[in-house]
Protein backbone atom coordinates (compact mmCIF):
# COMPACT_ATOMS: atom_id res chain seq x y z
CA MET A 1 11.07 -21.64 -6.90
CA ASN A 2 7.93 -19.84 -7.92
CA LYS A 3 5.40 -22.17 -9.27
CA LYS A 4 4.38 -20.05 -12.21
CA ILE A 5 8.25 -19.71 -13.13
CA LEU A 6 8.66 -23.43 -12.72
CA ILE A 7 5.82 -24.47 -14.93
CA GLY A 8 6.99 -22.08 -17.63
CA CYS A 9 10.66 -23.45 -17.44
CA LEU A 10 9.16 -27.15 -17.87
CA ALA A 11 6.98 -26.12 -20.80
CA LEU A 12 10.02 -24.18 -22.64
CA VAL A 13 12.12 -27.48 -21.99
CA LEU A 14 9.64 -29.83 -22.91
CA LEU A 15 7.86 -28.36 -25.80
CA LEU A 16 10.16 -25.96 -27.64
CA PRO A 17 12.16 -28.85 -29.35
CA LEU A 18 8.98 -30.05 -30.68
CA MET A 19 8.14 -26.74 -32.80
CA PHE A 20 11.48 -27.20 -34.90
CA ILE A 21 10.58 -30.56 -36.35
CA ARG A 22 10.92 -30.54 -40.05
CA PRO A 23 8.42 -32.17 -42.33
CA ARG A 24 8.84 -36.03 -42.68
CA GLU A 25 11.70 -35.79 -40.02
CA GLU A 26 11.93 -38.76 -37.71
CA MET A 27 12.37 -37.83 -34.00
CA SER A 28 14.10 -40.26 -31.84
CA VAL A 29 14.05 -40.10 -28.16
CA GLU A 30 18.04 -39.43 -28.52
CA MET A 31 17.40 -36.49 -30.88
CA TYR A 32 14.75 -35.11 -28.75
CA LEU A 33 16.71 -35.07 -25.58
CA MET A 34 19.85 -33.41 -27.48
CA ARG A 35 17.40 -30.57 -28.75
CA CYS A 36 16.25 -30.20 -25.26
CA ALA A 37 19.64 -29.08 -24.49
CA VAL A 38 19.30 -25.54 -25.84
CA PRO A 39 15.92 -24.25 -24.04
CA LEU A 40 17.46 -26.22 -20.71
CA MET A 41 20.48 -24.11 -21.25
CA MET A 42 17.99 -21.22 -21.58
CA VAL A 43 16.40 -22.23 -18.29
CA ILE A 44 19.52 -22.38 -16.49
CA VAL A 45 20.93 -18.99 -17.49
CA PHE A 46 17.59 -17.59 -16.71
CA CYS A 47 17.50 -18.90 -13.31
CA ILE A 48 21.08 -17.98 -12.22
CA ASN A 49 20.49 -14.51 -13.35
CA TYR A 50 16.89 -14.23 -11.82
CA TYR A 51 17.90 -15.66 -8.33
CA LYS A 52 21.56 -15.11 -8.14
CA LEU A 53 23.23 -12.34 -10.30
CA ILE A 54 20.39 -9.65 -10.30
CA PRO A 55 19.35 -9.43 -6.94
CA ARG A 56 23.07 -9.11 -5.84
CA ALA A 57 23.08 -6.25 -8.52
CA ILE A 58 20.14 -4.84 -7.16
CA ARG A 59 21.19 -5.00 -3.29
CA LYS A 60 24.46 -3.23 -4.46
CA ASN A 61 22.74 -0.50 -6.60
CA GLY A 62 24.06 -1.79 -9.72
CA LYS A 63 27.59 -2.05 -8.61
CA SER A 64 28.37 -5.46 -9.42
CA ASN A 65 29.85 -7.98 -12.01
CA LEU A 66 26.51 -8.39 -13.72
CA LEU A 67 27.80 -7.69 -17.25
CA PRO A 68 31.13 -9.47 -17.13
CA SER A 69 29.47 -12.72 -15.51
CA ASN A 70 26.80 -13.10 -18.10
CA ILE A 71 29.45 -12.80 -20.91
CA VAL A 72 31.25 -15.52 -19.49
CA ILE A 73 28.21 -17.35 -19.13
CA VAL A 74 27.28 -16.81 -22.63
CA LEU A 75 30.52 -17.83 -24.07
CA LEU A 76 30.62 -20.96 -21.97
CA CYS A 77 27.36 -22.08 -22.93
CA CYS A 78 28.04 -21.30 -26.78
CA THR A 79 31.06 -23.39 -26.32
CA LEU A 80 29.05 -26.28 -25.07
CA LEU A 81 26.58 -25.99 -27.25
CA CYS A 82 28.81 -25.84 -30.31
CA GLY A 83 30.42 -29.18 -29.50
CA LEU A 84 26.72 -30.58 -28.99
CA HIS A 85 25.88 -29.47 -32.62
CA ARG A 86 29.19 -31.04 -34.01
CA VAL A 87 28.17 -34.40 -32.61
CA GLU A 88 24.42 -33.84 -33.79
CA PHE A 89 25.72 -33.07 -37.31
CA SER A 90 27.99 -36.03 -37.43
CA ARG A 91 25.42 -38.32 -36.25
CA TYR A 92 22.19 -37.33 -38.00
CA HIS A 93 23.41 -35.26 -41.06
CA LYS A 94 26.04 -37.71 -42.39
CA VAL A 95 23.56 -40.69 -42.06
CA LYS A 96 20.96 -38.81 -44.30
CA GLU A 97 23.98 -37.97 -46.48
CA GLN A 98 24.84 -41.43 -46.88
CA THR A 99 21.17 -42.46 -47.49
CA GLU A 100 20.97 -39.80 -50.22
CA LEU A 101 24.46 -41.08 -51.88
CA THR A 102 23.19 -44.63 -51.99
CA GLU A 103 19.90 -43.39 -53.61
CA LYS A 104 22.06 -41.40 -56.17
CA ARG A 105 24.19 -44.29 -56.87
CA GLN A 106 21.30 -46.51 -57.56
CA GLU A 107 20.12 -43.88 -59.97
CA GLY A 108 23.42 -43.49 -61.71
CA TYR A 109 23.89 -39.83 -61.68
CA GLY A 110 25.11 -36.96 -59.48
CA TRP A 111 26.83 -38.59 -56.50
CA LYS A 112 30.40 -37.53 -57.21
CA ASN A 113 32.42 -34.34 -57.37
CA LYS A 114 34.60 -33.51 -60.25
CA ASP A 115 37.62 -35.24 -58.36
CA GLY A 116 35.51 -38.47 -57.93
CA ARG A 117 34.94 -38.15 -54.31
CA PRO A 118 31.26 -38.46 -52.98
CA LYS A 119 29.74 -35.34 -52.27
CA ASN A 120 29.55 -34.15 -48.67
CA ARG A 121 27.93 -31.03 -47.11
CA ASP A 122 30.01 -28.51 -44.97
CA GLY A 123 29.40 -28.77 -41.34
CA ARG A 124 31.06 -25.90 -40.61
CA SER A 125 28.70 -23.12 -41.81
CA PHE A 126 25.83 -25.16 -39.68
CA GLN A 127 27.80 -24.98 -36.63
CA ILE A 128 28.44 -21.30 -36.70
CA SER A 129 24.64 -20.33 -37.62
CA ALA A 130 23.49 -22.79 -34.82
CA THR A 131 25.80 -20.97 -32.32
CA ILE A 132 24.65 -17.76 -33.17
CA PHE A 133 21.04 -18.61 -33.02
CA ASP A 134 21.94 -20.15 -29.45
CA ALA A 135 23.70 -17.18 -28.30
CA LEU A 136 20.71 -14.75 -29.14
CA ASN A 137 18.49 -17.37 -27.15
CA ILE A 138 20.81 -17.16 -24.29
CA ILE A 139 20.82 -13.35 -24.16
CA PHE A 140 17.05 -13.31 -24.74
CA ALA A 141 16.85 -15.43 -21.54
CA ILE A 142 19.01 -12.95 -19.59
CA PHE A 143 16.91 -9.93 -20.77
CA VAL A 144 13.68 -11.89 -19.58
CA ALA A 145 15.32 -12.54 -16.10
CA TYR A 146 16.47 -8.94 -15.86
CA ALA A 147 12.87 -7.55 -16.86
CA MET A 148 11.02 -9.82 -14.65
CA ARG A 149 13.29 -9.08 -11.66
CA SER A 150 13.47 -5.40 -12.20
CA SER A 151 9.81 -5.18 -12.62
CA GLU A 152 9.31 -7.04 -9.04
CA HIS A 153 11.98 -4.90 -7.39
CA ILE A 154 9.94 -1.77 -8.68
CA ASN A 155 6.70 -3.27 -7.28
CA ASN A 156 8.29 -3.94 -3.95
CA LEU A 157 9.61 -0.52 -3.71
CA GLU A 158 5.96 0.82 -4.25
CA ARG A 159 4.41 -1.42 -1.83
CA GLN A 160 6.71 -0.77 0.84
CA GLN A 161 6.31 3.40 0.04
CA LYS A 162 2.66 2.57 0.60
CA GLU A 163 3.16 0.68 3.65
CA ALA A 164 5.47 3.37 5.26
CA GLU A 165 3.00 5.85 4.06
CA VAL A 166 0.03 4.10 6.18
CA ALA A 167 2.20 3.57 9.03
CA ARG A 168 3.21 7.09 9.19
CA GLN A 169 -0.41 8.35 8.98
CA LYS A 170 -1.55 5.68 11.58
CA ALA A 171 1.32 6.92 13.94
CA GLU A 172 0.18 10.71 13.36
CA LEU A 173 -3.21 9.97 14.17
CA LYS A 174 -2.19 8.22 17.53
CA GLY A 175 -0.24 11.35 18.38
CA LEU A 176 -3.06 13.33 17.90
CA ARG A 177 -5.43 11.39 20.05
CA ASN A 178 -2.60 11.06 22.35
CA GLN A 179 -2.53 14.96 22.65
CA ILE A 180 -6.47 15.42 22.90
CA SER A 181 -6.69 13.37 26.18
CA PRO A 182 -4.34 15.46 28.19
CA HIS A 183 -5.75 18.73 26.79
CA PHE A 184 -9.44 17.74 27.53
CA LEU A 185 -8.40 16.56 31.03
CA LEU A 186 -6.61 19.94 31.84
CA ASN A 187 -9.78 21.94 30.54
CA THR A 188 -11.99 19.60 32.70
CA LEU A 189 -9.64 19.95 35.93
CA ASN A 190 -9.84 23.65 35.51
CA ASN A 191 -13.55 23.61 35.48
CA ILE A 192 -13.73 21.48 38.76
CA TYR A 193 -11.25 23.74 40.56
CA ALA A 194 -13.35 26.67 39.65
CA LEU A 195 -16.32 24.54 41.09
CA ALA A 196 -14.64 23.56 44.21
CA ALA A 197 -14.76 27.14 45.14
CA ILE A 198 -18.56 27.40 44.92
CA SER A 199 -20.17 23.89 46.07
CA THR A 200 -18.31 20.92 47.51
CA GLU A 201 -21.28 18.51 46.85
CA ARG A 202 -21.40 19.88 43.24
CA THR A 203 -17.72 19.30 43.18
CA GLN A 204 -18.18 15.55 44.36
CA SER A 205 -20.62 15.23 41.35
CA ALA A 206 -18.39 16.79 38.89
CA VAL A 207 -15.77 14.27 39.99
CA LEU A 208 -17.97 11.37 39.44
CA GLN A 209 -18.91 12.60 36.08
CA LEU A 210 -15.28 13.11 35.33
CA SER A 211 -14.63 9.49 36.28
CA LYS A 212 -17.21 8.56 33.56
CA LEU A 213 -15.48 10.80 30.84
CA LEU A 214 -12.02 9.30 31.54
CA ARG A 215 -13.26 5.97 31.18
CA HIS A 216 -14.40 6.78 27.79
CA THR A 217 -11.24 8.51 26.87
CA LEU A 218 -8.93 5.74 28.23
CA TYR A 219 -10.63 2.62 26.55
CA ASP A 220 -12.71 4.16 23.49
CA ASN A 221 -9.80 6.59 22.58
CA GLN A 222 -7.49 3.95 21.95
CA SER A 223 -9.76 2.46 19.07
CA GLU A 224 -9.31 4.02 15.54
CA MET A 225 -13.10 4.37 15.25
CA VAL A 226 -15.92 4.37 17.63
CA THR A 227 -19.79 4.62 17.26
CA LEU A 228 -21.30 7.88 16.94
CA ARG A 229 -24.00 6.73 19.63
CA SER A 230 -20.90 6.36 22.13
CA GLU A 231 -19.62 9.83 21.16
CA ALA A 232 -23.00 11.48 21.59
CA ASP A 233 -23.44 9.87 25.09
CA PHE A 234 -19.80 11.33 26.02
CA ILE A 235 -20.83 14.91 24.72
CA VAL A 236 -24.04 14.77 27.02
CA SER A 237 -21.85 13.45 30.02
CA TYR A 238 -19.46 16.37 29.40
CA ILE A 239 -22.29 19.02 28.93
CA ASP A 240 -23.93 17.50 32.39
CA LEU A 241 -20.52 18.29 33.95
CA MET A 242 -20.27 21.66 32.53
CA LYS A 243 -23.75 22.56 33.83
CA LEU A 244 -22.64 22.02 37.50
CA ARG A 245 -20.81 25.35 37.64
CA LEU A 246 -22.65 27.35 35.19
CA ALA A 247 -24.56 30.46 36.58
CA SER A 248 -28.32 30.81 35.96
CA ASN A 249 -27.72 33.29 33.07
CA ILE A 250 -26.23 30.74 30.79
CA LYS A 251 -29.06 28.92 28.77
CA ILE A 252 -27.76 25.67 27.24
CA GLU A 253 -29.87 23.92 24.44
CA THR A 254 -28.52 20.32 23.54
CA HIS A 255 -30.15 18.41 20.41
CA ILE A 256 -28.93 14.91 20.07
CA ASP A 257 -30.39 13.51 16.99
CA VAL A 258 -28.62 10.01 16.82
CA ALA A 259 -30.33 6.69 16.98
CA GLU A 260 -29.71 4.73 20.04
CA GLY A 261 -28.74 1.55 18.13
CA SER A 262 -26.61 3.63 15.54
CA GLN A 263 -23.57 1.81 14.45
CA THR A 264 -22.12 4.67 12.37
CA MET A 265 -18.29 4.62 13.11
CA VAL A 266 -16.57 8.09 13.68
CA ALA A 267 -12.95 9.24 15.00
CA PRO A 268 -12.90 9.36 18.86
CA LEU A 269 -13.11 12.33 20.64
CA LEU A 270 -13.65 14.41 17.41
CA PHE A 271 -16.33 16.88 18.43
CA ILE A 272 -15.60 17.52 21.88
CA SER A 273 -12.87 20.28 21.19
CA LEU A 274 -15.72 22.17 19.56
CA VAL A 275 -17.91 21.57 22.49
CA GLU A 276 -15.16 22.75 24.78
CA ASN A 277 -14.57 25.89 22.54
CA ALA A 278 -18.10 26.71 23.07
CA PHE A 279 -17.97 26.63 26.94
CA LYS A 280 -14.77 28.32 26.81
CA HIS A 281 -15.77 31.19 24.82
CA GLY A 282 -19.47 31.30 25.25
CA VAL A 283 -19.70 32.10 28.99
CA SER A 284 -20.03 35.20 30.64
CA GLY A 285 -20.23 36.12 34.48
CA SER A 286 -22.73 38.74 34.20
CA GLU A 287 -24.26 38.84 30.65
CA PRO A 288 -27.10 36.41 29.40
CA CYS A 289 -25.27 33.84 27.26
CA LEU A 290 -26.44 30.93 24.94
CA ILE A 291 -24.86 27.71 24.14
CA SER A 292 -26.54 25.59 21.65
CA ILE A 293 -25.22 22.07 20.57
CA SER A 294 -26.82 20.07 17.86
CA LEU A 295 -25.63 16.70 16.79
CA HIS A 296 -27.38 15.42 13.91
CA GLU A 297 -27.20 11.98 11.56
CA ASP A 298 -28.62 11.33 8.15
CA THR A 299 -28.14 8.59 5.61
CA GLY A 300 -25.24 10.94 4.01
CA SER A 301 -23.64 12.99 6.49
CA ILE A 302 -22.99 13.61 10.22
CA THR A 303 -23.47 17.34 11.40
CA CYS A 304 -22.39 18.84 14.48
CA ASP A 305 -23.74 22.38 14.67
CA ILE A 306 -22.76 24.67 17.70
CA LEU A 307 -23.83 28.27 18.20
CA ASN A 308 -22.62 30.10 21.61
CA SER A 309 -22.30 33.65 22.67
CA ASN A 310 -19.01 35.37 21.82
CA ASN A 311 -16.93 36.08 24.69
CA PRO A 312 -13.33 36.05 23.69
CA LYS A 313 -10.71 35.52 26.24
CA THR A 314 -8.45 38.11 27.33
CA SER A 315 -4.68 38.00 27.05
CA SER A 316 -4.21 36.95 30.47
CA ASP A 317 -6.49 34.07 30.06
CA ARG A 318 -5.06 31.95 27.13
CA SER A 319 -5.64 28.41 28.61
CA GLY A 320 -5.22 25.99 25.65
CA HIS A 321 -4.09 28.65 23.32
CA GLY A 322 -6.42 27.34 20.67
CA ILE A 323 -4.65 23.87 20.55
CA GLY A 324 -7.99 21.85 20.45
CA LEU A 325 -9.14 23.37 17.35
CA GLN A 326 -5.93 22.95 15.59
CA LEU A 327 -5.95 19.03 16.33
CA VAL A 328 -9.48 19.03 14.96
CA ARG A 329 -8.22 20.38 11.68
CA GLN A 330 -5.29 17.99 11.73
CA ARG A 331 -7.48 15.02 12.42
CA LEU A 332 -10.05 15.90 9.82
CA GLU A 333 -7.50 16.17 7.00
CA ALA A 334 -5.89 13.06 7.99
CA ILE A 335 -9.19 10.72 8.49
CA TYR A 336 -11.67 12.32 6.25
CA PRO A 337 -9.61 14.31 3.31
CA GLY A 338 -11.96 15.80 1.21
CA ARG A 339 -15.15 14.51 2.94
CA TYR A 340 -15.81 17.22 5.34
CA GLU A 341 -17.17 20.85 5.47
CA TRP A 342 -15.96 23.09 8.36
CA THR A 343 -17.26 26.73 8.75
CA LYS A 344 -16.61 28.61 11.71
CA GLY A 345 -17.07 32.56 12.70
CA VAL A 346 -18.84 35.25 14.22
CA GLU A 347 -22.12 35.82 12.58
CA LYS A 348 -24.23 39.34 12.17
CA ASP A 349 -26.11 38.69 15.47
CA GLY A 350 -22.88 38.37 17.34
CA LEU A 351 -23.11 34.62 17.89
CA TYR A 352 -20.11 32.37 17.14
CA HIS A 353 -21.34 29.49 14.99
CA SER A 354 -19.32 26.39 14.08
CA LYS A 355 -20.84 23.90 11.61
CA LEU A 356 -18.78 20.63 10.93
CA THR A 357 -20.45 18.29 8.55
CA ILE A 358 -18.59 14.76 7.60
CA LEU A 359 -19.82 13.28 4.43
CA ARG A 360 -20.13 9.41 4.80
CA SER A 361 -17.88 7.24 2.54
CA ASN A 362 -19.33 5.46 -0.56
CA THR A 363 -17.87 2.47 0.45
């Protein structure tokens, strides 16, 4: 039994009888125990409903014998308490009446009825009024049990819904992370395949760089959050890998403004899709091209600013089909709702500009 409920029940049984002591009334141990019967009966009825009847009705969606059972309980309790009140009246009220008659005899007046019999109080009205009062108390106990259990049930449903929503979001984020790694690996292998036709030595170096990148994706990607510094190192390694296959007409600028010991936490592999997109659409085999990648951290935000030449792929070359940017949008909505700004598009100078700013949480 819940400790708070147990303490409340004990207080009700032990203290309620003391609240109805009349002035100058002597309270014996026997009378006190008899008056504890009503609150004790209320506690019993409360517990039966709170722990048995109402939970059963909730499990069966209200399809149970809750109302008939409580009607039987109320009638049974009233019958028992009616007998108790009869004993109480005969023991205590008649003793008091006898004392009053003795006092009247000594005074010599008002101690007989017209037929010469001693005056006597009618115990029937007392028993009826007491039984009605007891029935109301028992019904009140049932109502309190129902209100408490219903409130707990509603709170449990809300808690379960929140837990289910959190679990769903975690599963969704895990699924998105698992999609990123194969997508990233596929693009990188395509780059190495293209490099193999150019230089065997550079291909070997690319495979070594790829092993470092895979180590990051296999281990850090399993955590919900990683340090911004590790993500910055990952981006630098990826850029170095891409440089191995690029021609001299491609100009690459890298600006990483993240402290070496930065402990800022971000979602893993969040920026790599933006960097991949820059290399995918910013490279041309004949024309001069520019790819500028900047990652900046300050006290209030993290900014990934990428500028690249705009060389859209033809319909025959649709590797990836833009899935990387779609995953970025989904992850941002799931992890940083209302805390990010992402603008992207072709500028007037013909360069494609993508700028992602993540606002830090106040907590």
